[in-house]
Amino acid sequence: MTEQLPISIHVCDDLTQQFIKIASVCNKLEAQFNFQTMTANWYGDEDNILSLQLALETPQSLLEQQALLQTIDIQTHSDDVFSYHQKNQAQTLMCHIAITAAESALLEQQSKLLSGLLTVKLHKVLNLIAGQLNLDAI
């Protein structure tokens, strides 16, 4: 049995169908970000490890997720990113990130930009979360 890493990245089905390599890119980024956050000492207290679940969404699926979560206190970081603590699990932070229509159009034209765009976008989101939680930036 494998142990769940603190940071996981989930991709909505629409994006998986639209961008064939997105799953493999996200697997690589998951390993990279888990290593970077470990070296930045995000997990110093082994009894209280923060779990981050990053969900990549389309603009439409992001709006659907926001509608489903109307009764939950969400933190809006920008028009394409929001997060919230999972119910009854204070140490689990869910973060929904949309690949905007403009980003999607760019990736359709130049698929080789996928890895770089996701790296920059997710890195920025992780550093926003780090600032919120008083953790070292990665």
N, C-alpha and C. Protein backbone atom coordinates (compact mmCIF):
# COMPACT_ATOMS: atom_id res chain seq x y z
N MET A 1 0.84 -1.18 0.00
CA MET A 1 0.00 0.00 0.00
C MET A 1 0.88 1.25 0.00
N THR A 2 0.56 2.21 -0.85
CA THR A 2 1.34 3.44 -0.91
C THR A 2 0.68 4.52 -0.07
N GLU A 3 1.51 5.34 0.52
CA GLU A 3 1.01 6.42 1.36
C GLU A 3 0.71 7.64 0.50
N GLN A 4 -0.39 8.32 0.80
CA GLN A 4 -0.80 9.52 0.06
C GLN A 4 0.18 10.66 0.36
N LEU A 5 0.67 11.30 -0.68
CA LEU A 5 1.56 12.45 -0.51
C LEU A 5 0.74 13.66 -0.08
N PRO A 6 1.37 14.63 0.59
CA PRO A 6 0.62 15.80 1.07
C PRO A 6 -0.02 16.64 -0.04
N ILE A 7 0.62 16.72 -1.19
CA ILE A 7 0.06 17.50 -2.30
C ILE A 7 -0.36 16.54 -3.40
N SER A 8 -1.62 16.64 -3.80
CA SER A 8 -2.10 15.84 -4.92
C SER A 8 -2.75 16.77 -5.94
N ILE A 9 -2.68 16.38 -7.20
CA ILE A 9 -3.25 17.17 -8.29
C ILE A 9 -4.25 16.29 -9.03
N HIS A 10 -5.48 16.77 -9.12
CA HIS A 10 -6.53 16.07 -9.84
C HIS A 10 -6.94 16.93 -11.03
N VAL A 11 -7.21 16.28 -12.15
CA VAL A 11 -7.57 16.99 -13.38
C VAL A 11 -8.99 16.59 -13.77
N CYS A 12 -9.83 17.57 -14.07
CA CYS A 12 -11.20 17.26 -14.48
C CYS A 12 -11.18 16.51 -15.82
N ASP A 13 -12.22 15.73 -16.05
CA ASP A 13 -12.29 14.89 -17.25
C ASP A 13 -12.20 15.68 -18.55
N ASP A 14 -12.83 16.85 -18.58
CA ASP A 14 -12.80 17.67 -19.81
C ASP A 14 -11.37 18.07 -20.19
N LEU A 15 -10.57 18.43 -19.20
CA LEU A 15 -9.18 18.81 -19.48
C LEU A 15 -8.36 17.59 -19.89
N THR A 16 -8.63 16.45 -19.27
CA THR A 16 -7.92 15.22 -19.63
C THR A 16 -8.18 14.85 -21.08
N GLN A 17 -9.41 15.05 -21.54
CA GLN A 17 -9.74 14.76 -22.93
C GLN A 17 -9.16 15.79 -23.88
N GLN A 18 -9.12 17.03 -23.42
CA GLN A 18 -8.65 18.12 -24.28
C GLN A 18 -7.13 18.10 -24.45
N PHE A 19 -6.41 17.77 -23.36
CA PHE A 19 -4.94 17.78 -23.39
C PHE A 19 -4.42 16.41 -22.99
N ILE A 20 -3.98 15.66 -23.97
CA ILE A 20 -3.60 14.26 -23.78
C ILE A 20 -2.49 14.09 -22.74
N LYS A 21 -1.54 14.99 -22.70
CA LYS A 21 -0.38 14.84 -21.81
C LYS A 21 -0.58 15.45 -20.42
N ILE A 22 -1.74 16.00 -20.13
CA ILE A 22 -1.92 16.73 -18.87
C ILE A 22 -1.76 15.82 -17.65
N ALA A 23 -2.19 14.58 -17.72
CA ALA A 23 -2.08 13.67 -16.57
C ALA A 23 -0.62 13.39 -16.25
N SER A 24 0.20 13.13 -17.26
CA SER A 24 1.62 12.85 -17.00
C SER A 24 2.34 14.10 -16.51
N VAL A 25 1.99 15.26 -17.05
CA VAL A 25 2.59 16.51 -16.59
C VAL A 25 2.24 16.74 -15.12
N CYS A 26 0.99 16.50 -14.76
CA CYS A 26 0.55 16.70 -13.37
C CYS A 26 1.20 15.71 -12.41
N ASN A 27 1.43 14.49 -12.86
CA ASN A 27 2.13 13.51 -12.02
C ASN A 27 3.55 13.98 -11.70
N LYS A 28 4.22 14.52 -12.71
CA LYS A 28 5.58 15.04 -12.52
C LYS A 28 5.56 16.25 -11.57
N LEU A 29 4.59 17.15 -11.77
CA LEU A 29 4.49 18.33 -10.92
C LEU A 29 4.15 17.97 -9.48
N GLU A 30 3.33 16.96 -9.31
CA GLU A 30 2.97 16.49 -7.97
C GLU A 30 4.24 16.10 -7.21
N ALA A 31 5.09 15.30 -7.84
CA ALA A 31 6.36 14.88 -7.21
C ALA A 31 7.26 16.08 -6.95
N GLN A 32 7.36 16.96 -7.92
CA GLN A 32 8.22 18.14 -7.80
C GLN A 32 7.76 19.04 -6.65
N PHE A 33 6.45 19.33 -6.58
CA PHE A 33 5.95 20.22 -5.54
C PHE A 33 6.00 19.58 -4.16
N ASN A 34 5.79 18.28 -4.06
CA ASN A 34 5.92 17.61 -2.77
C ASN A 34 7.36 17.70 -2.28
N PHE A 35 8.32 17.53 -3.17
CA PHE A 35 9.72 17.65 -2.79
C PHE A 35 10.06 19.08 -2.37
N GLN A 36 9.63 20.06 -3.17
CA GLN A 36 9.94 21.45 -2.87
C GLN A 36 9.33 21.90 -1.54
N THR A 37 8.10 21.50 -1.27
CA THR A 37 7.47 21.89 -0.01
C THR A 37 8.10 21.17 1.17
N MET A 38 8.58 19.95 0.96
CA MET A 38 9.26 19.23 2.02
C MET A 38 10.58 19.94 2.37
N THR A 39 11.33 20.35 1.35
CA THR A 39 12.59 21.05 1.61
C THR A 39 12.37 22.44 2.18
N ALA A 40 11.18 23.02 1.97
CA ALA A 40 10.83 24.32 2.56
C ALA A 40 10.24 24.16 3.96
N ASN A 41 10.26 22.93 4.47
CA ASN A 41 9.82 22.60 5.83
C ASN A 41 8.33 22.89 6.08
N TRP A 42 7.50 22.58 5.09
CA TRP A 42 6.05 22.74 5.26
C TRP A 42 5.50 21.66 6.19
N TYR A 43 6.24 20.59 6.39
CA TYR A 43 5.73 19.44 7.15
C TYR A 43 6.55 19.18 8.40
N GLY A 44 7.00 20.22 9.06
CA GLY A 44 7.83 20.09 10.25
C GLY A 44 7.15 19.35 11.39
N ASP A 45 5.86 19.54 11.55
CA ASP A 45 5.09 18.86 12.61
C ASP A 45 4.43 17.63 12.00
N GLU A 46 5.05 16.47 12.19
CA GLU A 46 4.56 15.24 11.55
C GLU A 46 3.19 14.80 12.02
N ASP A 47 2.75 15.32 13.17
CA ASP A 47 1.41 14.98 13.67
C ASP A 47 0.34 15.88 13.07
N ASN A 48 0.75 16.96 12.42
CA ASN A 48 -0.18 17.93 11.84
C ASN A 48 0.23 18.29 10.42
N ILE A 49 0.24 17.33 9.54
CA ILE A 49 0.67 17.58 8.16
C ILE A 49 -0.50 18.11 7.33
N LEU A 50 -0.26 19.25 6.70
CA LEU A 50 -1.25 19.85 5.82
C LEU A 50 -1.34 19.04 4.54
N SER A 51 -2.55 18.74 4.13
CA SER A 51 -2.80 18.04 2.87
C SER A 51 -3.43 19.04 1.91
N LEU A 52 -2.82 19.17 0.73
CA LEU A 52 -3.34 20.08 -0.30
C LEU A 52 -3.83 19.26 -1.48
N GLN A 53 -5.09 19.44 -1.83
CA GLN A 53 -5.64 18.78 -3.00
C GLN A 53 -5.93 19.85 -4.04
N LEU A 54 -5.12 19.86 -5.08
CA LEU A 54 -5.28 20.84 -6.15
C LEU A 54 -6.12 20.20 -7.25
N ALA A 55 -7.16 20.90 -7.68
CA ALA A 55 -8.04 20.40 -8.73
C ALA A 55 -7.99 21.36 -9.91
N LEU A 56 -7.53 20.85 -11.04
CA LEU A 56 -7.51 21.65 -12.27
C LEU A 56 -8.87 21.53 -12.94
N GLU A 57 -9.44 22.67 -13.28
CA GLU A 57 -10.81 22.74 -13.80
C GLU A 57 -10.85 23.54 -15.10
N THR A 58 -11.93 23.38 -15.83
CA THR A 58 -12.26 24.28 -16.93
C THR A 58 -12.98 25.47 -16.29
N PRO A 59 -13.12 26.59 -17.00
CA PRO A 59 -13.88 27.71 -16.42
C PRO A 59 -15.30 27.28 -16.01
N GLN A 60 -15.94 26.45 -16.83
CA GLN A 60 -17.29 25.99 -16.54
C GLN A 60 -17.33 25.09 -15.30
N SER A 61 -16.39 24.14 -15.21
CA SER A 61 -16.40 23.24 -14.05
C SER A 61 -16.03 23.99 -12.77
N LEU A 62 -15.23 25.06 -12.89
CA LEU A 62 -14.93 25.89 -11.71
C LEU A 62 -16.19 26.55 -11.19
N LEU A 63 -17.00 27.10 -12.11
CA LEU A 63 -18.27 27.72 -11.70
C LEU A 63 -19.21 26.69 -11.09
N GLU A 64 -19.23 25.49 -11.65
CA GLU A 64 -20.07 24.43 -11.09
C GLU A 64 -19.63 24.06 -9.68
N GLN A 65 -18.32 23.99 -9.46
CA GLN A 65 -17.81 23.67 -8.12
C GLN A 65 -18.18 24.78 -7.13
N GLN A 66 -18.05 26.03 -7.55
CA GLN A 66 -18.42 27.15 -6.67
C GLN A 66 -19.89 27.09 -6.31
N ALA A 67 -20.74 26.75 -7.27
CA ALA A 67 -22.18 26.64 -7.02
C ALA A 67 -22.48 25.52 -6.02
N LEU A 68 -21.78 24.41 -6.14
CA LEU A 68 -21.98 23.30 -5.21
C LEU A 68 -21.54 23.63 -3.79
N LEU A 69 -20.62 24.57 -3.68
CA LEU A 69 -20.03 24.89 -2.38
C LEU A 69 -20.56 26.19 -1.78
N GLN A 70 -21.75 26.58 -2.14
CA GLN A 70 -22.30 27.86 -1.67
C GLN A 70 -22.38 27.95 -0.15
N THR A 71 -22.57 26.84 0.53
CA THR A 71 -22.73 26.87 1.98
C THR A 71 -21.40 26.78 2.71
N ILE A 72 -20.31 26.64 1.99
CA ILE A 72 -18.98 26.52 2.60
C ILE A 72 -18.25 27.85 2.47
N ASP A 73 -17.47 28.19 3.50
CA ASP A 73 -16.68 29.40 3.49
C ASP A 73 -15.46 29.19 2.58
N ILE A 74 -15.51 29.79 1.38
CA ILE A 74 -14.40 29.64 0.44
C ILE A 74 -13.56 30.91 0.43
N GLN A 75 -12.28 30.74 0.13
CA GLN A 75 -11.34 31.85 -0.01
C GLN A 75 -11.07 32.03 -1.49
N THR A 76 -11.48 33.17 -2.05
CA THR A 76 -11.25 33.45 -3.46
C THR A 76 -9.89 34.14 -3.60
N HIS A 77 -9.00 33.54 -4.38
CA HIS A 77 -7.66 34.09 -4.57
C HIS A 77 -7.60 34.96 -5.82
N SER A 78 -8.38 34.58 -6.84
CA SER A 78 -8.49 35.34 -8.08
C SER A 78 -9.73 34.83 -8.80
N ASP A 79 -9.99 35.36 -9.98
CA ASP A 79 -11.20 34.91 -10.68
C ASP A 79 -11.11 33.46 -11.16
N ASP A 80 -9.91 32.87 -11.13
CA ASP A 80 -9.77 31.48 -11.57
C ASP A 80 -9.22 30.54 -10.49
N VAL A 81 -9.17 30.99 -9.23
CA VAL A 81 -8.66 30.15 -8.14
C VAL A 81 -9.44 30.43 -6.85
N PHE A 82 -9.91 29.34 -6.22
CA PHE A 82 -10.48 29.46 -4.88
C PHE A 82 -10.12 28.24 -4.07
N SER A 83 -10.17 28.37 -2.74
CA SER A 83 -9.84 27.25 -1.88
C SER A 83 -10.75 27.24 -0.66
N TYR A 84 -10.75 26.11 0.03
CA TYR A 84 -11.53 25.95 1.26
C TYR A 84 -10.98 24.75 2.01
N HIS A 85 -11.22 24.76 3.32
CA HIS A 85 -10.84 23.60 4.14
C HIS A 85 -11.94 22.57 4.05
N GLN A 86 -11.55 21.33 3.83
CA GLN A 86 -12.52 20.25 3.70
C GLN A 86 -13.26 20.05 5.03
N LYS A 87 -14.55 19.85 4.93
CA LYS A 87 -15.41 19.70 6.11
C LYS A 87 -14.86 18.61 7.03
N ASN A 88 -14.78 18.92 8.30
CA ASN A 88 -14.31 18.01 9.35
C ASN A 88 -12.85 17.59 9.18
N GLN A 89 -12.13 18.24 8.31
CA GLN A 89 -10.71 17.93 8.12
C GLN A 89 -9.94 19.24 7.97
N ALA A 90 -9.66 19.89 9.09
CA ALA A 90 -9.02 21.21 9.07
C ALA A 90 -7.65 21.18 8.39
N GLN A 91 -7.00 20.02 8.38
CA GLN A 91 -5.68 19.92 7.78
C GLN A 91 -5.72 19.60 6.29
N THR A 92 -6.91 19.56 5.68
CA THR A 92 -7.02 19.31 4.25
C THR A 92 -7.55 20.56 3.56
N LEU A 93 -6.74 21.14 2.70
CA LEU A 93 -7.12 22.32 1.96
C LEU A 93 -7.37 21.93 0.52
N MET A 94 -8.59 22.19 0.06
CA MET A 94 -8.98 21.94 -1.33
C MET A 94 -8.77 23.24 -2.10
N CYS A 95 -8.16 23.15 -3.26
CA CYS A 95 -7.92 24.34 -4.07
C CYS A 95 -8.31 24.04 -5.52
N HIS A 96 -9.25 24.81 -6.05
CA HIS A 96 -9.73 24.64 -7.42
C HIS A 96 -9.11 25.74 -8.28
N ILE A 97 -8.51 25.31 -9.39
CA ILE A 97 -7.77 26.21 -10.28
C ILE A 97 -8.27 25.99 -11.70
N ALA A 98 -8.74 27.04 -12.33
CA ALA A 98 -9.24 26.92 -13.70
C ALA A 98 -8.14 27.22 -14.71
N ILE A 99 -8.13 26.43 -15.76
CA ILE A 99 -7.34 26.76 -16.95
C ILE A 99 -8.27 27.68 -17.74
N THR A 100 -7.94 28.96 -17.81
CA THR A 100 -8.84 29.94 -18.41
C THR A 100 -9.02 29.68 -19.91
N ALA A 101 -10.03 30.31 -20.47
CA ALA A 101 -10.30 30.16 -21.90
C ALA A 101 -9.10 30.62 -22.73
N ALA A 102 -8.47 31.73 -22.32
CA ALA A 102 -7.30 32.23 -23.05
C ALA A 102 -6.13 31.25 -22.95
N GLU A 103 -5.91 30.70 -21.76
CA GLU A 103 -4.84 29.72 -21.58
C GLU A 103 -5.12 28.46 -22.40
N SER A 104 -6.35 28.05 -22.39
CA SER A 104 -6.76 26.86 -23.14
C SER A 104 -6.54 27.06 -24.64
N ALA A 105 -6.91 28.23 -25.14
CA ALA A 105 -6.72 28.53 -26.56
C ALA A 105 -5.23 28.53 -26.91
N LEU A 106 -4.42 29.10 -26.05
CA LEU A 106 -2.97 29.12 -26.27
C LEU A 106 -2.42 27.70 -26.30
N LEU A 107 -2.86 26.85 -25.36
CA LEU A 107 -2.38 25.47 -25.30
C LEU A 107 -2.86 24.65 -26.50
N GLU A 108 -4.03 24.99 -27.02
CA GLU A 108 -4.52 24.31 -28.23
C GLU A 108 -3.60 24.61 -29.41
N GLN A 109 -3.10 25.84 -29.47
CA GLN A 109 -2.22 26.24 -30.57
C GLN A 109 -0.79 25.73 -30.38
N GLN A 110 -0.33 25.73 -29.11
CA GLN A 110 1.06 25.34 -28.82
C GLN A 110 1.08 24.40 -27.62
N SER A 111 0.84 23.14 -27.88
CA SER A 111 0.74 22.15 -26.79
C SER A 111 2.03 22.00 -25.99
N LYS A 112 3.16 22.36 -26.58
CA LYS A 112 4.44 22.23 -25.86
C LYS A 112 4.53 23.18 -24.66
N LEU A 113 3.62 24.16 -24.57
CA LEU A 113 3.62 25.10 -23.45
C LEU A 113 2.90 24.55 -22.21
N LEU A 114 2.27 23.39 -22.33
CA LEU A 114 1.47 22.84 -21.24
C LEU A 114 2.24 22.71 -19.94
N SER A 115 3.38 22.08 -19.97
CA SER A 115 4.16 21.85 -18.75
C SER A 115 4.58 23.18 -18.10
N GLY A 116 5.08 24.09 -18.89
CA GLY A 116 5.53 25.38 -18.36
C GLY A 116 4.39 26.19 -17.78
N LEU A 117 3.26 26.22 -18.47
CA LEU A 117 2.11 26.98 -17.99
C LEU A 117 1.60 26.41 -16.66
N LEU A 118 1.46 25.09 -16.60
CA LEU A 118 0.98 24.48 -15.36
C LEU A 118 1.97 24.65 -14.22
N THR A 119 3.26 24.56 -14.51
CA THR A 119 4.28 24.75 -13.49
C THR A 119 4.17 26.14 -12.88
N VAL A 120 4.11 27.15 -13.73
CA VAL A 120 4.03 28.53 -13.25
C VAL A 120 2.73 28.78 -12.49
N LYS A 121 1.63 28.33 -13.05
CA LYS A 121 0.32 28.59 -12.44
C LYS A 121 0.20 27.91 -11.07
N LEU A 122 0.56 26.64 -11.00
CA LEU A 122 0.44 25.91 -9.73
C LEU A 122 1.46 26.39 -8.70
N HIS A 123 2.65 26.74 -9.16
CA HIS A 123 3.68 27.29 -8.26
C HIS A 123 3.17 28.58 -7.62
N LYS A 124 2.57 29.43 -8.42
CA LYS A 124 2.01 30.69 -7.92
C LYS A 124 0.92 30.42 -6.87
N VAL A 125 0.04 29.46 -7.16
CA VAL A 125 -1.03 29.12 -6.22
C VAL A 125 -0.46 28.59 -4.91
N LEU A 126 0.54 27.71 -5.00
CA LEU A 126 1.15 27.17 -3.78
C LEU A 126 1.80 28.27 -2.94
N ASN A 127 2.41 29.24 -3.59
CA ASN A 127 3.02 30.34 -2.84
C ASN A 127 1.96 31.27 -2.24
N LEU A 128 0.81 31.42 -2.90
CA LEU A 128 -0.31 32.16 -2.29
C LEU A 128 -0.77 31.46 -1.01
N ILE A 129 -0.90 30.15 -1.09
CA ILE A 129 -1.31 29.36 0.06
C ILE A 129 -0.25 29.44 1.17
N ALA A 130 1.01 29.38 0.78
CA ALA A 130 2.10 29.49 1.76
C ALA A 130 2.00 30.82 2.51
N GLY A 131 1.75 31.89 1.78
CA GLY A 131 1.61 33.20 2.42
C GLY A 131 0.44 33.25 3.39
N GLN A 132 -0.66 32.62 3.01
CA GLN A 132 -1.84 32.56 3.86
C GLN A 132 -1.57 31.81 5.16
N LEU A 133 -0.82 30.73 5.05
CA LEU A 133 -0.58 29.84 6.19
C LEU A 133 0.73 30.10 6.90
N ASN A 134 1.40 31.20 6.55
CA ASN A 134 2.68 31.56 7.15
C ASN A 134 3.75 30.48 6.98
N LEU A 135 3.80 29.91 5.78
CA LEU A 135 4.82 28.92 5.45
C LEU A 135 5.84 29.58 4.51
N ASP A 136 7.02 28.98 4.42
CA ASP A 136 8.04 29.50 3.52
C ASP A 136 7.61 29.28 2.07
N ALA A 137 7.86 30.26 1.22
CA ALA A 137 7.56 30.13 -0.20
C ALA A 137 8.49 29.09 -0.81
N ILE A 138 8.02 28.50 -1.89
CA ILE A 138 8.86 27.50 -2.57
C ILE A 138 9.43 28.10 -3.85
